[in-house]
């Protein structure tokens, strides 16, 4: 509904360019096309009586285009936002800065392959995979995850630089967590090689590789972290919130993260994560 309203504003903007600025139809089209593209793929929402136009996803989509082309498209979008401001439509434009994309990214694991592995591996390996994929953890964070940091709704993670973040749990994790605790009875850490002594990062990585080898593919812990981010993004979660859940200290494309209240974050996470859908499907 908000996007439809923004598209109507775009029509007003085009009328303004052609009728009042005397731009040619071709010039108007060069403005309209990238703005419309951005509206379709971007996140548009209202926050504190302001219209937030977050074009981060669009910036990633056009990141490999010619720099001059990118600048022209961003200039058109900024002109549109300025037009909205002249109409007393308080608008916040996010994601208009430059974005650096890593030259190589770990290939995410296909969701069906994750499901296949979860259905075949023993409980310990299952919980390791579920924990990485549910929370997007680094392997070092998983190795240090303590039982006291896990509640019914959240887990507390200590990441790089001793920075703490909270990540919502999902129904699939909670169901198997109770079974795992009952069987393995860990004392301090979620994954222990003996009472109160955590499994090492290498031991965890070995169990992941062994688990996926059973279905004929090679998977690293970081691939599961990347799958977490990719699947949430593809299912509509906000990129700012994904970055926050991953524990990134900054995102140059957005500057400051959009902080959601805990209820909103929990709701969006539960709607977006595939493992929640797997539980729902199994209940049918």
Protein backbone atom coordinates (compact mmCIF):
# COMPACT_ATOMS: atom_id res chain seq x y z
CA UNK A 1 0.00 0.00 0.00
CA UNK A 2 2.84 2.38 0.87
CA UNK A 3 4.63 1.50 -2.36
CA UNK A 4 1.49 2.22 -4.35
CA UNK A 5 1.35 5.62 -2.73
CA UNK A 6 5.01 6.22 -3.63
CA UNK A 7 4.34 5.25 -7.25
CA UNK A 8 1.53 7.80 -7.34
CA UNK A 9 3.96 10.42 -6.04
CA UNK A 10 6.28 9.38 -8.86
CA UNK A 11 3.58 10.13 -11.41
CA UNK A 12 3.20 13.60 -9.84
CA UNK A 13 6.96 14.03 -10.05
CA UNK A 14 7.01 13.14 -13.75
CA UNK A 15 4.17 15.56 -14.40
CA UNK A 16 6.18 18.24 -12.57
CA UNK A 17 9.27 17.55 -14.70
CA UNK A 18 7.40 17.66 -17.98
CA UNK A 19 4.89 20.46 -17.33
CA UNK A 20 6.78 22.82 -15.06
CA UNK A 21 10.43 22.05 -15.82
CA UNK A 22 9.75 21.56 -19.55
CA UNK A 23 11.78 18.37 -19.73
CA UNK A 24 11.37 16.25 -22.84
CA UNK A 25 9.50 12.93 -22.56
CA UNK A 26 12.81 11.09 -23.05
CA UNK A 27 14.45 12.98 -20.19
CA UNK A 28 11.45 12.34 -17.96
CA UNK A 29 11.77 8.65 -18.76
CA UNK A 30 15.44 8.63 -17.71
CA UNK A 31 14.27 9.94 -14.33
CA UNK A 32 11.25 7.70 -13.98
CA UNK A 33 12.81 4.35 -14.91
CA UNK A 34 15.42 4.05 -12.12
CA UNK A 35 13.04 5.51 -9.53
CA UNK A 36 10.38 2.96 -10.41
CA UNK A 37 12.96 0.16 -10.36
CA UNK A 38 14.11 1.27 -6.92
CA UNK A 39 10.58 1.45 -5.53
CA UNK A 40 9.80 -2.10 -6.68
CA UNK A 41 12.79 -3.77 -5.02
CA UNK A 42 13.42 -1.46 -2.08
CA UNK A 43 12.06 -1.35 1.43
CA UNK A 44 9.48 1.40 1.92
CA UNK A 45 7.86 1.87 5.28
CA UNK A 46 6.66 4.47 7.75
CA UNK A 47 8.53 5.16 10.95
CA UNK A 48 7.77 7.91 13.46
CA UNK A 49 5.51 9.71 10.99
CA UNK A 50 8.24 9.71 8.35
CA UNK A 51 8.40 7.86 5.04
CA UNK A 52 11.53 5.71 4.91
CA UNK A 53 12.78 4.88 1.42
CA UNK A 54 15.58 2.34 1.89
CA UNK A 55 17.18 1.63 -1.49
CA UNK A 56 19.94 -0.64 -0.14
CA UNK A 57 18.69 -3.71 -2.01
CA UNK A 58 18.51 -1.67 -5.21
CA UNK A 59 22.08 -0.44 -4.66
CA UNK A 60 23.29 -4.03 -4.45
CA UNK A 61 21.32 -4.83 -7.61
CA UNK A 62 23.02 -2.09 -9.66
CA UNK A 63 26.42 -2.22 -7.93
CA UNK A 64 28.20 -3.78 -10.92
CA UNK A 65 26.95 -1.21 -13.41
CA UNK A 66 29.07 1.62 -14.78
CA UNK A 67 29.78 4.23 -12.05
CA UNK A 68 28.38 7.02 -14.22
CA UNK A 69 25.17 5.04 -14.72
CA UNK A 70 24.88 4.44 -10.99
CA UNK A 71 25.40 8.12 -10.23
CA UNK A 72 22.72 9.12 -12.72
CA UNK A 73 20.24 6.71 -11.20
CA UNK A 74 21.03 7.87 -7.66
CA UNK A 75 20.72 11.48 -8.77
CA UNK A 76 17.24 10.77 -10.16
CA UNK A 77 16.18 9.13 -6.89
CA UNK A 78 17.56 12.02 -4.83
CA UNK A 79 15.70 14.50 -7.02
CA UNK A 80 12.50 12.55 -6.42
CA UNK A 81 13.05 12.59 -2.66
CA UNK A 82 13.69 16.33 -2.81
CA UNK A 83 10.40 16.70 -4.68
CA UNK A 84 8.61 14.79 -1.93
CA UNK A 85 10.11 17.15 0.65
CA UNK A 86 8.74 20.16 -1.25
CA UNK A 87 5.31 18.54 -0.93
CA UNK A 88 5.74 18.32 2.87
CA UNK A 89 6.24 14.55 2.69
CA UNK A 90 8.94 13.99 5.28
CA UNK A 91 11.16 11.36 3.66
CA UNK A 92 14.31 9.59 4.81
CA UNK A 93 16.46 8.15 2.01
CA UNK A 94 18.66 5.26 3.09
CA UNK A 95 21.25 3.31 1.12
CA UNK A 96 22.25 6.05 -1.30
CA UNK A 97 25.94 5.93 -0.36
CA UNK A 98 28.47 3.78 -2.15
CA UNK A 99 28.50 0.06 -1.42
CA UNK A 100 31.55 -2.16 -1.39
CA UNK A 101 30.86 -5.75 -2.37
CA UNK A 102 33.36 -8.48 -1.62
CA UNK A 103 34.92 -9.93 -4.74
CA UNK A 104 34.11 -13.44 -3.55
CA UNK A 105 31.26 -14.47 -1.30
CA UNK A 106 30.72 -17.94 0.13
CA UNK A 107 28.08 -19.75 -1.84
CA UNK A 108 24.96 -20.23 0.31
CA UNK A 109 23.76 -23.77 0.88
CA UNK A 110 20.51 -24.58 -0.87
CA UNK A 111 17.65 -24.73 1.64
CA UNK A 112 16.56 -28.15 0.44
CA UNK A 113 20.08 -29.47 1.10
CA UNK A 114 19.94 -28.12 4.65
CA UNK A 115 16.58 -29.83 5.15
CA UNK A 116 17.95 -33.07 3.73
CA UNK A 117 20.91 -33.01 6.10
CA UNK A 118 18.71 -32.19 9.09
CA UNK A 119 16.50 -35.19 8.31
CA UNK A 120 19.44 -37.61 8.13
CA UNK A 121 22.11 -36.63 10.66
CA UNK A 122 22.29 -37.58 14.37
CA UNK A 123 20.95 -35.19 17.01
CA UNK A 124 24.29 -33.56 17.88
CA UNK A 125 25.15 -32.69 14.29
CA UNK A 126 21.56 -31.61 13.72
CA UNK A 127 21.75 -29.12 16.59
CA UNK A 128 25.06 -27.72 15.34
CA UNK A 129 23.60 -27.12 11.87
CA UNK A 130 20.36 -25.71 13.27
CA UNK A 131 22.24 -23.32 15.55
CA UNK A 132 24.44 -21.94 12.76
CA UNK A 133 21.60 -21.65 10.26
CA UNK A 134 19.03 -20.32 12.73
CA UNK A 135 21.22 -17.56 14.14
CA UNK A 136 23.83 -16.80 11.48
CA UNK A 137 26.63 -17.37 13.96
CA UNK A 138 30.35 -17.34 13.34
CA UNK A 139 31.91 -20.69 14.25
CA UNK A 140 33.83 -18.95 17.06
CA UNK A 141 30.56 -17.62 18.47
CA UNK A 142 28.98 -21.06 18.35
CA UNK A 143 31.94 -22.61 20.18
CA UNK A 144 31.52 -20.14 23.05
CA UNK A 145 27.72 -20.20 23.23
CA UNK A 146 26.65 -20.94 26.81
CA UNK A 147 23.41 -22.43 28.10
CA UNK A 148 22.84 -19.38 30.29
CA UNK A 149 22.72 -17.25 27.12
CA UNK A 150 19.77 -19.18 25.68
CA UNK A 151 16.22 -18.27 26.67
CA UNK A 152 12.85 -19.33 25.30
CA UNK A 153 12.72 -16.42 22.84
CA UNK A 154 16.31 -15.18 22.38
CA UNK A 155 19.95 -16.14 22.48
CA UNK A 156 22.66 -13.72 23.58
CA UNK A 157 25.81 -13.80 21.45
CA UNK A 158 29.20 -12.31 22.24
CA UNK A 159 30.81 -11.44 18.93
CA UNK A 160 33.90 -9.64 17.68
CA UNK A 161 35.24 -7.02 20.05
CA UNK A 162 33.13 -8.54 22.86
CA UNK A 163 30.07 -6.87 21.34
CA UNK A 164 26.82 -8.48 22.42
CA UNK A 165 23.71 -8.95 20.33
CA UNK A 166 20.42 -10.78 20.76
CA UNK A 167 18.96 -13.08 18.10
CA UNK A 168 15.44 -14.53 18.18
CA UNK A 169 15.06 -18.30 18.44
CA UNK A 170 12.70 -20.22 16.18
CA UNK A 171 10.28 -23.07 16.78
CA UNK A 172 12.47 -25.67 15.09
CA UNK A 173 15.44 -24.83 17.31
CA UNK A 174 13.35 -24.80 20.48
CA UNK A 175 11.82 -28.20 19.73
CA UNK A 176 15.16 -29.94 19.18
CA UNK A 177 16.94 -27.95 21.89
CA UNK A 178 14.85 -29.58 24.60
CA UNK A 179 15.54 -33.04 23.19
CA UNK A 180 19.25 -32.29 22.89
CA UNK A 181 19.52 -31.04 26.50
CA UNK A 182 17.74 -34.15 27.74
CA UNK A 183 20.06 -36.51 25.85
CA UNK A 184 23.47 -34.83 26.16
CA UNK A 185 22.97 -32.89 29.41
CA UNK A 186 25.60 -30.17 28.80
CA UNK A 187 26.72 -28.24 31.87
CA UNK A 188 28.01 -24.84 30.71
CA UNK A 189 28.37 -24.70 26.94
CA UNK A 190 25.77 -25.73 24.41
CA UNK A 191 28.27 -28.09 22.77
CA UNK A 192 30.72 -29.89 25.05
CA UNK A 193 33.29 -32.64 24.41
CA UNK A 194 33.20 -33.43 28.12
CA UNK A 195 31.38 -31.81 31.04
CA UNK A 196 31.99 -28.04 31.15
CA UNK A 197 34.59 -28.12 28.33
CA UNK A 198 33.43 -26.74 24.99
CA UNK A 199 33.91 -28.40 21.64
CA UNK A 200 36.60 -26.52 19.71
CA UNK A 201 35.93 -24.63 16.50
CA UNK A 202 37.78 -27.30 14.54
CA UNK A 203 35.73 -30.08 16.14
CA UNK A 204 32.49 -28.27 15.30
CA UNK A 205 33.65 -27.66 11.73
CA UNK A 206 34.55 -31.34 11.33
CA UNK A 207 31.08 -32.41 12.44
CA UNK A 208 29.46 -30.02 9.97
CA UNK A 209 31.61 -31.28 7.10
CA UNK A 210 30.87 -34.88 8.08
CA UNK A 211 27.12 -34.23 8.28
CA UNK A 212 26.86 -32.73 4.80
CA UNK A 213 29.22 -35.30 3.34
CA UNK A 214 26.45 -37.82 4.01
CA UNK A 215 24.32 -36.10 1.37
CA UNK A 216 27.21 -35.67 -1.03
CA UNK A 217 28.12 -31.99 -0.67
CA UNK A 218 30.87 -30.00 1.04
CA UNK A 219 29.69 -27.25 3.39
CA UNK A 220 31.61 -24.87 5.66
CA UNK A 221 30.26 -23.13 8.78
CA UNK A 222 30.54 -19.76 7.07
CA UNK A 223 28.36 -20.99 4.22
CA UNK A 224 25.58 -21.66 6.72
CA UNK A 225 26.01 -18.14 8.10
CA UNK A 226 25.76 -16.81 4.55
CA UNK A 227 22.68 -18.98 3.94
CA UNK A 228 21.06 -17.45 7.03
CA UNK A 229 21.55 -13.94 5.61
CA UNK A 230 20.61 -14.85 2.02
CA UNK A 231 17.41 -16.69 2.94
CA UNK A 232 16.18 -13.94 5.26
CA UNK A 233 16.91 -11.30 2.62
CA UNK A 234 15.18 -13.30 -0.12
CA UNK A 235 12.12 -13.77 2.08
CA UNK A 236 11.72 -10.07 2.75
CA UNK A 237 13.64 -9.29 5.95
CA UNK A 238 15.21 -5.83 6.05
CA UNK A 239 18.90 -5.78 5.18
CA UNK A 240 19.64 -3.45 8.10
CA UNK A 241 18.13 -5.92 10.54
CA UNK A 242 19.99 -8.83 8.96
CA UNK A 243 23.25 -6.93 9.42
CA UNK A 244 22.37 -6.34 13.04
CA UNK A 245 21.55 -10.01 13.58
CA UNK A 246 24.87 -10.96 11.97
CA UNK A 247 26.74 -8.67 14.35
CA UNK A 248 28.29 -6.41 11.71
CA UNK A 249 29.60 -3.22 13.27
CA UNK A 250 28.61 -1.05 10.32
CA UNK A 251 27.12 -1.04 6.85
CA UNK A 252 28.52 1.74 4.71
CA UNK A 253 25.50 1.71 2.45
CA UNK A 254 23.15 2.63 5.28
CA UNK A 255 25.31 4.40 7.83
CA UNK A 256 23.33 3.73 10.99
CA UNK A 257 21.18 0.65 11.37
CA UNK A 258 17.44 1.02 11.65
CA UNK A 259 16.72 -0.22 15.17
CA UNK A 260 13.45 -2.12 15.47
CA UNK A 261 11.80 -2.68 18.80
CA UNK A 262 12.13 -6.26 20.02
CA UNK A 263 8.55 -7.26 19.21
CA UNK A 264 8.84 -6.07 15.62
CA UNK A 265 12.21 -7.74 15.14
CA UNK A 266 10.93 -11.00 16.58
CA UNK A 267 7.84 -10.95 14.37
CA UNK A 268 9.77 -10.21 11.17
CA UNK A 269 12.37 -12.86 11.95
CA UNK A 270 9.75 -15.53 12.64
CA UNK A 271 7.92 -14.66 9.41
CA UNK A 272 11.12 -14.80 7.34
CA UNK A 273 13.22 -17.73 8.56
CA UNK A 274 12.67 -20.95 6.56
CA UNK A 275 12.95 -23.24 9.60
CA UNK A 276 9.81 -21.69 11.07
CA UNK A 277 8.01 -22.59 7.86
CA UNK A 278 9.35 -26.14 8.08
CA UNK A 279 7.76 -26.56 11.53
CA UNK A 280 4.49 -25.08 10.33
CA UNK A 281 4.45 -27.44 7.35
CA UNK A 282 5.11 -30.46 9.54
CA UNK A 283 2.18 -29.50 11.77
CA UNK A 284 -0.28 -29.61 8.89
